[in-house]
Amino acid sequence: MRILISDDDFVSRKLLNRQLSGLGEVDVAVSGKEAVAAAQLALQEGEH
């Protein structure tokens, strides 16, 4: 499973990454714009 974390707070991203990494592959975005780009790329690659 792929997981996308999007948060502007470093500590929140780090904590969520640590908690969710056991469930699948975690990608991290620091802004909404970056999150949308990451989601679009995953869809284009067929890895949503």
PDB file of N, CA and C in Angstrom:
ATOM      1  N   MET A   1       0.838  -1.164   0.000  1.00  0.00           N
ATOM      2  CA  MET A   1       0.000   0.000   0.000  1.00  0.00           C
ATOM      3  C   MET A   1       0.889   1.234   0.000  1.00  0.00           C
ATOM      4  N   ARG A   2       0.493   2.232  -0.787  1.00  0.00           N
ATOM      5  CA  ARG A   2       1.208   3.513  -0.796  1.00  0.00           C
ATOM      6  C   ARG A   2       0.430   4.519   0.025  1.00  0.00           C
ATOM      7  N   ILE A   3       1.152   5.294   0.804  1.00  0.00           N
ATOM      8  CA  ILE A   3       0.559   6.276   1.704  1.00  0.00           C
ATOM      9  C   ILE A   3       1.188   7.631   1.409  1.00  0.00           C
ATOM     10  N   LEU A   4       0.353   8.651   1.292  1.00  0.00           N
ATOM     11  CA  LEU A   4       0.842  10.008   1.070  1.00  0.00           C
ATOM     12  C   LEU A   4       0.531  10.859   2.288  1.00  0.00           C
ATOM     13  N   ILE A   5       1.576  11.409   2.889  1.00  0.00           N
ATOM     14  CA  ILE A   5       1.438  12.318   4.025  1.00  0.00           C
ATOM     15  C   ILE A   5       1.681  13.729   3.504  1.00  0.00           C
ATOM     16  N   SER A   6       0.757  14.636   3.800  1.00  0.00           N
ATOM     17  CA  SER A   6       0.919  16.030   3.410  1.00  0.00           C
ATOM     18  C   SER A   6       0.635  16.903   4.621  1.00  0.00           C
ATOM     19  N   ASP A   7       1.673  17.578   5.086  1.00  0.00           N
ATOM     20  CA  ASP A   7       1.530  18.462   6.239  1.00  0.00           C
ATOM     21  C   ASP A   7       2.658  19.478   6.191  1.00  0.00           C
ATOM     22  N   ASP A   8       2.384  20.695   6.595  1.00  0.00           N
ATOM     23  CA  ASP A   8       3.421  21.719   6.568  1.00  0.00           C
ATOM     24  C   ASP A   8       4.276  21.722   7.828  1.00  0.00           C
ATOM     25  N   ASP A   9       3.918  20.919   8.811  1.00  0.00           N
ATOM     26  CA  ASP A   9       4.668  20.853  10.067  1.00  0.00           C
ATOM     27  C   ASP A   9       5.628  19.654  10.048  1.00  0.00           C
ATOM     28  N   PHE A  10       6.914  19.931  10.214  1.00  0.00           N
ATOM     29  CA  PHE A  10       7.936  18.884  10.145  1.00  0.00           C
ATOM     30  C   PHE A  10       7.705  17.774  11.172  1.00  0.00           C
ATOM     31  N   VAL A  11       7.412  18.145  12.406  1.00  0.00           N
ATOM     32  CA  VAL A  11       7.241  17.161  13.468  1.00  0.00           C
ATOM     33  C   VAL A  11       6.051  16.243  13.165  1.00  0.00           C
ATOM     34  N   SER A  12       4.967  16.807  12.674  1.00  0.00           N
ATOM     35  CA  SER A  12       3.792  16.006  12.326  1.00  0.00           C
ATOM     36  C   SER A  12       4.118  15.015  11.213  1.00  0.00           C
ATOM     37  N   ARG A  13       4.836  15.494  10.191  1.00  0.00           N
ATOM     38  CA  ARG A  13       5.218  14.601   9.089  1.00  0.00           C
ATOM     39  C   ARG A  13       6.084  13.459   9.600  1.00  0.00           C
ATOM     40  N   LYS A  14       7.038  13.787  10.434  1.00  0.00           N
ATOM     41  CA  LYS A  14       7.957  12.773  10.964  1.00  0.00           C
ATOM     42  C   LYS A  14       7.196  11.739  11.802  1.00  0.00           C
ATOM     43  N   LEU A  15       6.306  12.212  12.663  1.00  0.00           N
ATOM     44  CA  LEU A  15       5.529  11.326  13.517  1.00  0.00           C
ATOM     45  C   LEU A  15       4.607  10.422  12.699  1.00  0.00           C
ATOM     46  N   LEU A  16       3.890  11.005  11.744  1.00  0.00           N
ATOM     47  CA  LEU A  16       3.012  10.202  10.893  1.00  0.00           C
ATOM     48  C   LEU A  16       3.801   9.193  10.072  1.00  0.00           C
ATOM     49  N   ASN A  17       4.936   9.610   9.559  1.00  0.00           N
ATOM     50  CA  ASN A  17       5.778   8.710   8.781  1.00  0.00           C
ATOM     51  C   ASN A  17       6.184   7.504   9.623  1.00  0.00           C
ATOM     52  N   ARG A  18       6.597   7.758  10.847  1.00  0.00           N
ATOM     53  CA  ARG A  18       7.015   6.678  11.743  1.00  0.00           C
ATOM     54  C   ARG A  18       5.847   5.737  12.052  1.00  0.00           C
ATOM     55  N   GLN A  19       4.667   6.303  12.286  1.00  0.00           N
ATOM     56  CA  GLN A  19       3.499   5.492  12.641  1.00  0.00           C
ATOM     57  C   GLN A  19       2.974   4.678  11.463  1.00  0.00           C
ATOM     58  N   LEU A  20       3.048   5.213  10.254  1.00  0.00           N
ATOM     59  CA  LEU A  20       2.438   4.564   9.097  1.00  0.00           C
ATOM     60  C   LEU A  20       3.401   3.728   8.267  1.00  0.00           C
ATOM     61  N   SER A  21       4.691   3.843   8.504  1.00  0.00           N
ATOM     62  CA  SER A  21       5.670   3.149   7.663  1.00  0.00           C
ATOM     63  C   SER A  21       5.524   1.632   7.710  1.00  0.00           C
ATOM     64  N   GLY A  22       4.983   1.093   8.782  1.00  0.00           N
ATOM     65  CA  GLY A  22       4.777  -0.345   8.868  1.00  0.00           C
ATOM     66  C   GLY A  22       3.621  -0.841   8.019  1.00  0.00           C
ATOM     67  N   LEU A  23       2.792   0.067   7.528  1.00  0.00           N
ATOM     68  CA  LEU A  23       1.620  -0.315   6.739  1.00  0.00           C
ATOM     69  C   LEU A  23       1.879  -0.320   5.242  1.00  0.00           C
ATOM     70  N   GLY A  24       2.964   0.335   4.818  1.00  0.00           N
ATOM     71  CA  GLY A  24       3.256   0.397   3.391  1.00  0.00           C
ATOM     72  C   GLY A  24       4.310   1.425   3.080  1.00  0.00           C
ATOM     73  N   GLU A  25       4.427   1.736   1.792  1.00  0.00           N
ATOM     74  CA  GLU A  25       5.411   2.703   1.315  1.00  0.00           C
ATOM     75  C   GLU A  25       4.871   4.111   1.541  1.00  0.00           C
ATOM     76  N   VAL A  26       5.614   4.927   2.278  1.00  0.00           N
ATOM     77  CA  VAL A  26       5.162   6.265   2.643  1.00  0.00           C
ATOM     78  C   VAL A  26       5.885   7.318   1.809  1.00  0.00           C
ATOM     79  N   ASP A  27       5.097   8.205   1.193  1.00  0.00           N
ATOM     80  CA  ASP A  27       5.627   9.379   0.503  1.00  0.00           C
ATOM     81  C   ASP A  27       5.220  10.597   1.316  1.00  0.00           C
ATOM     82  N   VAL A  28       6.086  11.597   1.347  1.00  0.00           N
ATOM     83  CA  VAL A  28       5.836  12.782   2.162  1.00  0.00           C
ATOM     84  C   VAL A  28       5.851  14.019   1.278  1.00  0.00           C
ATOM     85  N   ALA A  29       4.835  14.877   1.473  1.00  0.00           N
ATOM     86  CA  ALA A  29       4.755  16.156   0.773  1.00  0.00           C
ATOM     87  C   ALA A  29       4.690  17.264   1.819  1.00  0.00           C
ATOM     88  N   VAL A  30       5.347  18.383   1.525  1.00  0.00           N
ATOM     89  CA  VAL A  30       5.376  19.475   2.504  1.00  0.00           C
ATOM     90  C   VAL A  30       4.320  20.538   2.219  1.00  0.00           C
ATOM     91  N   SER A  31       3.592  20.384   1.111  1.00  0.00           N
ATOM     92  CA  SER A  31       2.545  21.359   0.788  1.00  0.00           C
ATOM     93  C   SER A  31       1.442  20.657   0.001  1.00  0.00           C
ATOM     94  N   GLY A  32       0.319  21.314  -0.085  1.00  0.00           N
ATOM     95  CA  GLY A  32      -0.791  20.768  -0.864  1.00  0.00           C
ATOM     96  C   GLY A  32      -0.440  20.643  -2.335  1.00  0.00           C
ATOM     97  N   LYS A  33       0.279  21.640  -2.844  1.00  0.00           N
ATOM     98  CA  LYS A  33       0.690  21.623  -4.255  1.00  0.00           C
ATOM     99  C   LYS A  33       1.586  20.414  -4.546  1.00  0.00           C
ATOM    100  N   GLU A  34       2.510  20.150  -3.647  1.00  0.00           N
ATOM    101  CA  GLU A  34       3.406  19.003  -3.796  1.00  0.00           C
ATOM    102  C   GLU A  34       2.624  17.686  -3.676  1.00  0.00           C
ATOM    103  N   ALA A  35       1.634  17.653  -2.799  1.00  0.00           N
ATOM    104  CA  ALA A  35       0.815  16.447  -2.619  1.00  0.00           C
ATOM    105  C   ALA A  35       0.013  16.140  -3.880  1.00  0.00           C
ATOM    106  N   VAL A  36      -0.565  17.165  -4.485  1.00  0.00           N
ATOM    107  CA  VAL A  36      -1.327  16.963  -5.721  1.00  0.00           C
ATOM    108  C   VAL A  36      -0.414  16.445  -6.828  1.00  0.00           C
ATOM    109  N   ALA A  37       0.780  17.025  -6.936  1.00  0.00           N
ATOM    110  CA  ALA A  37       1.735  16.576  -7.953  1.00  0.00           C
ATOM    111  C   ALA A  37       2.138  15.124  -7.715  1.00  0.00           C
ATOM    112  N   ALA A  38       2.349  14.739  -6.464  1.00  0.00           N
ATOM    113  CA  ALA A  38       2.727  13.363  -6.144  1.00  0.00           C
ATOM    114  C   ALA A  38       1.588  12.399  -6.469  1.00  0.00           C
ATOM    115  N   ALA A  39       0.359  12.794  -6.166  1.00  0.00           N
ATOM    116  CA  ALA A  39      -0.793  11.938  -6.463  1.00  0.00           C
ATOM    117  C   ALA A  39      -0.976  11.778  -7.971  1.00  0.00           C
ATOM    118  N   GLN A  40      -0.815  12.860  -8.727  1.00  0.00           N
ATOM    119  CA  GLN A  40      -0.930  12.782 -10.174  1.00  0.00           C
ATOM    120  C   GLN A  40       0.140  11.887 -10.770  1.00  0.00           C
ATOM    121  N   LEU A  41       1.360  11.998 -10.272  1.00  0.00           N
ATOM    122  CA  LEU A  41       2.456  11.158 -10.755  1.00  0.00           C
ATOM    123  C   LEU A  41       2.181   9.683 -10.466  1.00  0.00           C
ATOM    124  N   ALA A  42       1.692   9.390  -9.269  1.00  0.00           N
ATOM    125  CA  ALA A  42       1.374   8.000  -8.918  1.00  0.00           C
ATOM    126  C   ALA A  42       0.294   7.441  -9.832  1.00  0.00           C
ATOM    127  N   LEU A  43      -0.712   8.238 -10.145  1.00  0.00           N
ATOM    128  CA  LEU A  43      -1.772   7.786 -11.042  1.00  0.00           C
ATOM    129  C   LEU A  43      -1.230   7.531 -12.455  1.00  0.00           C
ATOM    130  N   GLN A  44      -0.361   8.421 -12.926  1.00  0.00           N
ATOM    131  CA  GLN A  44       0.242   8.243 -14.251  1.00  0.00           C
ATOM    132  C   GLN A  44       1.085   6.978 -14.323  1.00  0.00           C
ATOM    133  N   GLU A  45       1.757   6.652 -13.223  1.00  0.00           N
ATOM    134  CA  GLU A  45       2.605   5.460 -13.170  1.00  0.00           C
ATOM    135  C   GLU A  45       1.815   4.201 -12.855  1.00  0.00           C
ATOM    136  N   GLY A  46       0.525   4.361 -12.564  1.00  0.00           N
ATOM    137  CA  GLY A  46      -0.305   3.204 -12.237  1.00  0.00           C
ATOM    138  C   GLY A  46      -0.028   2.651 -10.851  1.00  0.00           C
ATOM    139  N   GLU A  47       0.488   3.465  -9.958  1.00  0.00           N
ATOM    140  CA  GLU A  47       0.819   3.041  -8.608  1.00  0.00           C
ATOM    141  C   GLU A  47       0.055   3.854  -7.588  1.00  0.00           C
ATOM    142  N   HIS A  48      -1.249   3.919  -7.737  1.00  0.00           N
ATOM    143  CA  HIS A  48      -2.070   4.702  -6.814  1.00  0.00           C
ATOM    144  C   HIS A  48      -2.472   3.900  -5.604  1.00  0.00           C
TER     145      HIS A  48
END
